[in-house]
Amino acid sequence: MGYEAVIFDLDGTLLDTLTDIADAMNAVLIRFGFPTHTVQTYRRFLGDGLEVLVERSLPEDRRTRKEIDRCVTGMRQEYAQRWWKTSRPYDGVPEMLDRLSADGIMMAILSNKLEVFTKLMARSLLGSWTFKEVVGLRPDLPRKPDPTGALEISRALGVSPERCVFVGDSGIDMMTAVRAGMVPAGVLWGYQERDTLAAGGARLFLGHPLEIAEYLAC
């Protein structure tokens, strides 16, 4: 089948953002007197949006609505001050985006990150490439794994879902692809393990960014 478009997750797929997210969340936890976590621990907390990240970061006995709301506000403040410090495209991502662009493949981004940060980071760190649609978390759009965002992007691109490949690093991304009727492709350089991707329904496992370009060229 000739694929026409690729929809990418952002964090853990195109960009390595883990350290900046961990530093921001730990700053919030310190501010409010809660224990912090290692950078690697945050791998398990990511993928479901800001509110879920905050909830998972808090001690179990402090996960009240009041504490979550207070820490969400704090996280927005802290992350705004440091999202750019260490976050960068993964090795091989620039070359992969160059290849897809040269091959005429349309590209888009769908993230559970707040849309203001999704668009800001795409523009600042991935601005050398054209993404037809950049969509993040917003009040009128259910978060992944609901397929609404992915399907809205495919309609905006004028491409049927079965001609789209959805590339991500989480089980949530793979479930989104399956529910949208797209090809679920899991990356092995991101934040979650192969078993998690497989459980979400991954059909492809990518060990290097250029492998997606090679797959689409077949």
C-alpha atoms as a PDB file:
ATOM      1  CA  MET A   1       0.000   0.000   0.000  1.00  0.00           C
ATOM      2  CA  GLY A   2       1.213   3.496  -0.774  1.00  0.00           C
ATOM      3  CA  TYR A   3       1.301   5.509   2.425  1.00  0.00           C
ATOM      4  CA  GLU A   4       0.830   9.243   2.093  1.00  0.00           C
ATOM      5  CA  ALA A   5       1.211  10.658   5.597  1.00  0.00           C
ATOM      6  CA  VAL A   6       2.934  10.114   8.922  1.00  0.00           C
ATOM      7  CA  ILE A   7       1.546  11.374  12.211  1.00  0.00           C
ATOM      8  CA  PHE A   8       4.181  11.633  14.920  1.00  0.00           C
ATOM      9  CA  ASP A   9       3.969  11.781  18.659  1.00  0.00           C
ATOM     10  CA  LEU A  10       6.314  14.479  20.001  1.00  0.00           C
ATOM     11  CA  ASP A  11       7.940  13.629  23.365  1.00  0.00           C
ATOM     12  CA  GLY A  12       9.953  10.427  23.213  1.00  0.00           C
ATOM     13  CA  THR A  13       9.451  10.130  19.458  1.00  0.00           C
ATOM     14  CA  LEU A  14      10.786  13.228  17.698  1.00  0.00           C
ATOM     15  CA  LEU A  15      12.204  15.043  20.725  1.00  0.00           C
ATOM     16  CA  ASP A  16      14.086  13.903  23.805  1.00  0.00           C
ATOM     17  CA  THR A  17      12.399  16.096  26.412  1.00  0.00           C
ATOM     18  CA  LEU A  18      12.725  13.866  29.464  1.00  0.00           C
ATOM     19  CA  THR A  19      15.282  15.852  31.469  1.00  0.00           C
ATOM     20  CA  ASP A  20      13.503  19.189  31.113  1.00  0.00           C
ATOM     21  CA  ILE A  21      10.160  17.649  32.099  1.00  0.00           C
ATOM     22  CA  ALA A  22      11.707  15.890  35.086  1.00  0.00           C
ATOM     23  CA  ASP A  23      13.516  19.021  36.247  1.00  0.00           C
ATOM     24  CA  ALA A  24      10.342  21.103  35.991  1.00  0.00           C
ATOM     25  CA  MET A  25       8.196  18.569  37.833  1.00  0.00           C
ATOM     26  CA  ASN A  26      10.806  18.100  40.546  1.00  0.00           C
ATOM     27  CA  ALA A  27      10.940  21.874  41.030  1.00  0.00           C
ATOM     28  CA  VAL A  28       7.182  21.847  41.621  1.00  0.00           C
ATOM     29  CA  LEU A  29       7.434  18.948  44.064  1.00  0.00           C
ATOM     30  CA  ILE A  30      10.190  20.722  46.002  1.00  0.00           C
ATOM     31  CA  ARG A  31       8.141  23.928  46.083  1.00  0.00           C
ATOM     32  CA  PHE A  32       5.243  22.155  47.770  1.00  0.00           C
ATOM     33  CA  GLY A  33       7.292  19.897  50.026  1.00  0.00           C
ATOM     34  CA  PHE A  34       6.899  16.574  48.221  1.00  0.00           C
ATOM     35  CA  PRO A  35       9.623  13.990  47.469  1.00  0.00           C
ATOM     36  CA  THR A  36      11.193  14.128  44.018  1.00  0.00           C
ATOM     37  CA  HIS A  37      11.910  11.394  41.470  1.00  0.00           C
ATOM     38  CA  THR A  38      14.859  10.423  39.291  1.00  0.00           C
ATOM     39  CA  VAL A  39      14.835  11.427  35.653  1.00  0.00           C
ATOM     40  CA  GLN A  40      14.459   7.801  34.602  1.00  0.00           C
ATOM     41  CA  THR A  41      11.437   7.303  36.867  1.00  0.00           C
ATOM     42  CA  TYR A  42       9.593   9.925  34.841  1.00  0.00           C
ATOM     43  CA  ARG A  43       9.664   7.610  31.832  1.00  0.00           C
ATOM     44  CA  ARG A  44       6.826   5.698  33.500  1.00  0.00           C
ATOM     45  CA  PHE A  45       4.827   8.845  34.197  1.00  0.00           C
ATOM     46  CA  LEU A  46       4.692  10.300  30.677  1.00  0.00           C
ATOM     47  CA  GLY A  47       2.323   9.826  27.777  1.00  0.00           C
ATOM     48  CA  ASP A  48      -1.092  10.715  29.178  1.00  0.00           C
ATOM     49  CA  GLY A  49      -0.874  14.488  29.480  1.00  0.00           C
ATOM     50  CA  LEU A  50       0.054  17.008  32.147  1.00  0.00           C
ATOM     51  CA  GLU A  51      -2.623  16.233  34.720  1.00  0.00           C
ATOM     52  CA  VAL A  52      -1.832  12.521  34.738  1.00  0.00           C
ATOM     53  CA  LEU A  53       1.903  13.283  34.972  1.00  0.00           C
ATOM     54  CA  VAL A  54       1.254  15.423  38.044  1.00  0.00           C
ATOM     55  CA  GLU A  55      -0.995  12.816  39.634  1.00  0.00           C
ATOM     56  CA  ARG A  56       1.577  10.059  39.137  1.00  0.00           C
ATOM     57  CA  SER A  57       4.331  12.283  40.534  1.00  0.00           C
ATOM     58  CA  LEU A  58       2.499  13.018  43.790  1.00  0.00           C
ATOM     59  CA  PRO A  59       2.532  10.662  46.799  1.00  0.00           C
ATOM     60  CA  GLU A  60      -0.507   8.388  46.664  1.00  0.00           C
ATOM     61  CA  ASP A  61      -2.029   9.903  49.795  1.00  0.00           C
ATOM     62  CA  ARG A  62      -1.773  13.452  48.405  1.00  0.00           C
ATOM     63  CA  ARG A  63      -3.466  12.951  45.042  1.00  0.00           C
ATOM     64  CA  THR A  64      -6.415  15.179  45.861  1.00  0.00           C
ATOM     65  CA  ARG A  65      -8.109  17.456  43.366  1.00  0.00           C
ATOM     66  CA  LYS A  66      -6.719  20.493  45.198  1.00  0.00           C
ATOM     67  CA  GLU A  67      -3.121  19.247  45.159  1.00  0.00           C
ATOM     68  CA  ILE A  68      -3.280  18.127  41.538  1.00  0.00           C
ATOM     69  CA  ASP A  69      -4.665  21.493  40.406  1.00  0.00           C
ATOM     70  CA  ARG A  70      -2.051  23.386  42.424  1.00  0.00           C
ATOM     71  CA  CYS A  71       0.786  21.322  40.970  1.00  0.00           C
ATOM     72  CA  VAL A  72      -0.576  21.531  37.399  1.00  0.00           C
ATOM     73  CA  THR A  73      -0.432  25.319  37.682  1.00  0.00           C
ATOM     74  CA  GLY A  74       3.078  25.116  39.099  1.00  0.00           C
ATOM     75  CA  MET A  75       4.201  22.740  36.372  1.00  0.00           C
ATOM     76  CA  ARG A  76       3.011  25.106  33.652  1.00  0.00           C
ATOM     77  CA  GLN A  77       5.059  27.868  35.270  1.00  0.00           C
ATOM     78  CA  GLU A  78       8.198  25.792  35.776  1.00  0.00           C
ATOM     79  CA  TYR A  79       8.121  24.124  32.368  1.00  0.00           C
ATOM     80  CA  ALA A  80       7.705  27.464  30.621  1.00  0.00           C
ATOM     81  CA  GLN A  81      11.066  28.468  32.130  1.00  0.00           C
ATOM     82  CA  ARG A  82      13.043  25.405  31.085  1.00  0.00           C
ATOM     83  CA  TRP A  83      11.440  23.478  28.176  1.00  0.00           C
ATOM     84  CA  TRP A  84      14.307  24.546  25.904  1.00  0.00           C
ATOM     85  CA  LYS A  85      17.293  23.780  28.142  1.00  0.00           C
ATOM     86  CA  THR A  86      18.186  20.223  27.058  1.00  0.00           C
ATOM     87  CA  SER A  87      15.339  19.132  24.750  1.00  0.00           C
ATOM     88  CA  ARG A  88      16.560  18.226  21.276  1.00  0.00           C
ATOM     89  CA  PRO A  89      15.598  15.982  18.337  1.00  0.00           C
ATOM     90  CA  TYR A  90      16.851  12.428  18.733  1.00  0.00           C
ATOM     91  CA  ASP A  91      19.839  11.396  16.646  1.00  0.00           C
ATOM     92  CA  GLY A  92      18.633  10.430  13.201  1.00  0.00           C
ATOM     93  CA  VAL A  93      15.388  12.405  13.395  1.00  0.00           C
ATOM     94  CA  PRO A  94      16.596  15.342  11.256  1.00  0.00           C
ATOM     95  CA  GLU A  95      17.798  12.957   8.553  1.00  0.00           C
ATOM     96  CA  MET A  96      14.516  11.047   8.694  1.00  0.00           C
ATOM     97  CA  LEU A  97      12.465  14.239   8.359  1.00  0.00           C
ATOM     98  CA  ASP A  98      14.651  15.332   5.431  1.00  0.00           C
ATOM     99  CA  ARG A  99      14.030  11.999   3.728  1.00  0.00           C
ATOM    100  CA  LEU A 100      10.272  12.037   4.250  1.00  0.00           C
ATOM    101  CA  SER A 101      10.077  15.623   3.010  1.00  0.00           C
ATOM    102  CA  ALA A 102      12.073  14.769  -0.115  1.00  0.00           C
ATOM    103  CA  ASP A 103       9.814  11.773  -0.744  1.00  0.00           C
ATOM    104  CA  GLY A 104       6.697  13.929  -0.602  1.00  0.00           C
ATOM    105  CA  ILE A 105       5.281  12.327   2.546  1.00  0.00           C
ATOM    106  CA  MET A 106       2.984  14.660   4.496  1.00  0.00           C
ATOM    107  CA  MET A 107       3.855  14.984   8.178  1.00  0.00           C
ATOM    108  CA  ALA A 108       1.887  15.987  11.255  1.00  0.00           C
ATOM    109  CA  ILE A 109       2.257  15.948  15.047  1.00  0.00           C
ATOM    110  CA  LEU A 110      -0.297  14.790  17.622  1.00  0.00           C
ATOM    111  CA  SER A 111       0.703  15.067  21.276  1.00  0.00           C
ATOM    112  CA  ASN A 112      -0.875  14.819  24.715  1.00  0.00           C
ATOM    113  CA  LYS A 113       1.353  17.751  25.689  1.00  0.00           C
ATOM    114  CA  LEU A 114      -0.519  21.034  26.112  1.00  0.00           C
ATOM    115  CA  GLU A 115      -1.024  22.519  22.665  1.00  0.00           C
ATOM    116  CA  VAL A 116       0.757  25.777  23.531  1.00  0.00           C
ATOM    117  CA  PHE A 117       3.948  23.830  24.302  1.00  0.00           C
ATOM    118  CA  THR A 118       3.459  21.395  21.418  1.00  0.00           C
ATOM    119  CA  LYS A 119       3.307  24.218  18.886  1.00  0.00           C
ATOM    120  CA  LEU A 120       6.103  26.171  20.563  1.00  0.00           C
ATOM    121  CA  MET A 121       8.489  23.220  20.563  1.00  0.00           C
ATOM    122  CA  ALA A 122       7.610  22.163  17.035  1.00  0.00           C
ATOM    123  CA  ARG A 123       8.286  25.680  15.816  1.00  0.00           C
ATOM    124  CA  SER A 124      11.485  26.147  17.818  1.00  0.00           C
ATOM    125  CA  LEU A 125      13.109  22.703  17.597  1.00  0.00           C
ATOM    126  CA  LEU A 126      11.594  21.287  14.396  1.00  0.00           C
ATOM    127  CA  GLY A 127      11.044  24.476  12.434  1.00  0.00           C
ATOM    128  CA  SER A 128      13.230  23.381   9.527  1.00  0.00           C
ATOM    129  CA  TRP A 129      10.530  20.950   8.387  1.00  0.00           C
ATOM    130  CA  THR A 130       6.910  21.376   7.360  1.00  0.00           C
ATOM    131  CA  PHE A 131       4.296  19.737   9.544  1.00  0.00           C
ATOM    132  CA  LYS A 132       0.900  20.194   7.957  1.00  0.00           C
ATOM    133  CA  GLU A 133      -0.874  19.897  11.304  1.00  0.00           C
ATOM    134  CA  VAL A 134       0.483  20.328  14.851  1.00  0.00           C
ATOM    135  CA  VAL A 135      -2.061  19.354  17.473  1.00  0.00           C
ATOM    136  CA  GLY A 136      -1.670  19.164  21.238  1.00  0.00           C
ATOM    137  CA  LEU A 137      -3.915  18.777  24.242  1.00  0.00           C
ATOM    138  CA  ARG A 138      -6.755  21.299  24.381  1.00  0.00           C
ATOM    139  CA  PRO A 139     -10.161  21.431  26.093  1.00  0.00           C
ATOM    140  CA  ASP A 140     -12.204  20.621  22.976  1.00  0.00           C
ATOM    141  CA  LEU A 141     -10.162  17.571  21.959  1.00  0.00           C
ATOM    142  CA  PRO A 142     -10.023  14.287  23.901  1.00  0.00           C
ATOM    143  CA  ARG A 143      -6.519  13.085  24.606  1.00  0.00           C
ATOM    144  CA  LYS A 144      -4.963  10.006  23.104  1.00  0.00           C
ATOM    145  CA  PRO A 145      -5.782   7.097  22.932  1.00  0.00           C
ATOM    146  CA  ASP A 146      -9.077   8.576  21.773  1.00  0.00           C
ATOM    147  CA  PRO A 147      -8.674   8.591  17.957  1.00  0.00           C
ATOM    148  CA  THR A 148     -10.471  11.904  17.396  1.00  0.00           C
ATOM    149  CA  GLY A 149      -7.296  13.957  17.022  1.00  0.00           C
ATOM    150  CA  ALA A 150      -5.679  11.481  14.651  1.00  0.00           C
ATOM    151  CA  LEU A 151      -8.802  11.293  12.512  1.00  0.00           C
ATOM    152  CA  GLU A 152      -9.150  15.071  12.417  1.00  0.00           C
ATOM    153  CA  ILE A 153      -5.579  15.299  11.167  1.00  0.00           C
ATOM    154  CA  SER A 154      -6.149  12.702   8.449  1.00  0.00           C
ATOM    155  CA  ARG A 155      -9.232  14.602   7.264  1.00  0.00           C
ATOM    156  CA  ALA A 156      -7.308  17.890   7.257  1.00  0.00           C
ATOM    157  CA  LEU A 157      -4.577  16.255   5.172  1.00  0.00           C
ATOM    158  CA  GLY A 158      -7.106  14.691   2.811  1.00  0.00           C
ATOM    159  CA  VAL A 159      -5.672  11.231   3.442  1.00  0.00           C
ATOM    160  CA  SER A 160      -7.657   8.155   4.447  1.00  0.00           C
ATOM    161  CA  PRO A 161      -6.634   6.658   7.816  1.00  0.00           C
ATOM    162  CA  GLU A 162      -5.373   3.404   6.276  1.00  0.00           C
ATOM    163  CA  ARG A 163      -2.831   5.427   4.289  1.00  0.00           C
ATOM    164  CA  CYS A 164      -1.435   7.015   7.465  1.00  0.00           C
ATOM    165  CA  VAL A 165       1.315   5.651   9.680  1.00  0.00           C
ATOM    166  CA  PHE A 166       1.156   6.704  13.326  1.00  0.00           C
ATOM    167  CA  VAL A 167       4.612   6.789  14.939  1.00  0.00           C
ATOM    168  CA  GLY A 168       4.999   6.946  18.710  1.00  0.00           C
ATOM    169  CA  ASP A 169       6.885   5.668  21.718  1.00  0.00           C
ATOM    170  CA  SER A 170       4.028   4.602  23.990  1.00  0.00           C
ATOM    171  CA  GLY A 171       1.268   2.066  24.289  1.00  0.00           C
ATOM    172  CA  ILE A 172      -1.124   5.024  24.243  1.00  0.00           C
ATOM    173  CA  ASP A 173       0.177   5.993  20.792  1.00  0.00           C
ATOM    174  CA  MET A 174      -0.247   2.463  19.495  1.00  0.00           C
ATOM    175  CA  MET A 175      -3.813   2.260  20.807  1.00  0.00           C
ATOM    176  CA  THR A 176      -4.568   5.598  19.156  1.00  0.00           C
ATOM    177  CA  ALA A 177      -3.347   4.276  15.812  1.00  0.00           C
ATOM    178  CA  VAL A 178      -5.340   1.062  16.109  1.00  0.00           C
ATOM    179  CA  ARG A 179      -8.533   2.896  17.023  1.00  0.00           C
ATOM    180  CA  ALA A 180      -8.047   5.337  14.143  1.00  0.00           C
ATOM    181  CA  GLY A 181      -7.425   2.567  11.617  1.00  0.00           C
ATOM    182  CA  MET A 182      -3.837   3.656  11.004  1.00  0.00           C
ATOM    183  CA  VAL A 183      -0.598   1.660  10.983  1.00  0.00           C
ATOM    184  CA  PRO A 184       0.843   1.664  14.531  1.00  0.00           C
ATOM    185  CA  ALA A 185       4.638   2.033  14.457  1.00  0.00           C
ATOM    186  CA  GLY A 186       6.480   1.967  17.774  1.00  0.00           C
ATOM    187  CA  VAL A 187       9.887   3.551  18.279  1.00  0.00           C
ATOM    188  CA  LEU A 188      12.408   1.791  20.492  1.00  0.00           C
ATOM    189  CA  TRP A 189      14.464   4.881  21.352  1.00  0.00           C
ATOM    190  CA  GLY A 190      11.696   6.556  23.375  1.00  0.00           C
ATOM    191  CA  TYR A 191      10.358   6.357  26.911  1.00  0.00           C
ATOM    192  CA  GLN A 192       8.513   3.023  26.930  1.00  0.00           C
ATOM    193  CA  GLU A 193       9.547  -0.571  26.352  1.00  0.00           C
ATOM    194  CA  ARG A 194       8.887  -2.859  23.393  1.00  0.00           C
ATOM    195  CA  ASP A 195       6.482  -4.998  25.431  1.00  0.00           C
ATOM    196  CA  THR A 196       4.349  -1.936  26.183  1.00  0.00           C
ATOM    197  CA  LEU A 197       4.269  -0.998  22.506  1.00  0.00           C
ATOM    198  CA  ALA A 198       3.324  -4.549  21.549  1.00  0.00           C
ATOM    199  CA  ALA A 199       0.535  -4.623  24.115  1.00  0.00           C
ATOM    200  CA  GLY A 200      -0.826  -1.419  22.595  1.00  0.00           C
ATOM    201  CA  GLY A 201      -0.985  -3.030  19.178  1.00  0.00           C
ATOM    202  CA  ALA A 202       2.254  -2.018  17.436  1.00  0.00           C
ATOM    203  CA  ARG A 203       2.698  -3.613  14.006  1.00  0.00           C
ATOM    204  CA  LEU A 204       6.112  -2.096  13.335  1.00  0.00           C
ATOM    205  CA  PHE A 205       9.044  -1.656  15.696  1.00  0.00           C
ATOM    206  CA  LEU A 206      11.570   0.990  14.702  1.00  0.00           C
ATOM    207  CA  GLY A 207      15.104   0.863  16.056  1.00  0.00           C
ATOM    208  CA  HIS A 208      16.299   3.961  14.185  1.00  0.00           C
ATOM    209  CA  PRO A 209      14.416   6.960  12.774  1.00  0.00           C
ATOM    210  CA  LEU A 210      15.453   6.252   9.189  1.00  0.00           C
ATOM    211  CA  GLU A 211      13.654   2.919   9.317  1.00  0.00           C
ATOM    212  CA  ILE A 212      10.307   4.679   8.935  1.00  0.00           C
ATOM    213  CA  ALA A 213      11.500   6.283   5.699  1.00  0.00           C
ATOM    214  CA  GLU A 214      12.712   2.901   4.468  1.00  0.00           C
ATOM    215  CA  TYR A 215       9.359   1.307   5.311  1.00  0.00           C
ATOM    216  CA  LEU A 216       7.400   3.964   3.453  1.00  0.00           C
ATOM    217  CA  ALA A 217       9.658   3.596   0.423  1.00  0.00           C
ATOM    218  CA  CYS A 218       8.839  -0.109   0.075  1.00  0.00           C
END
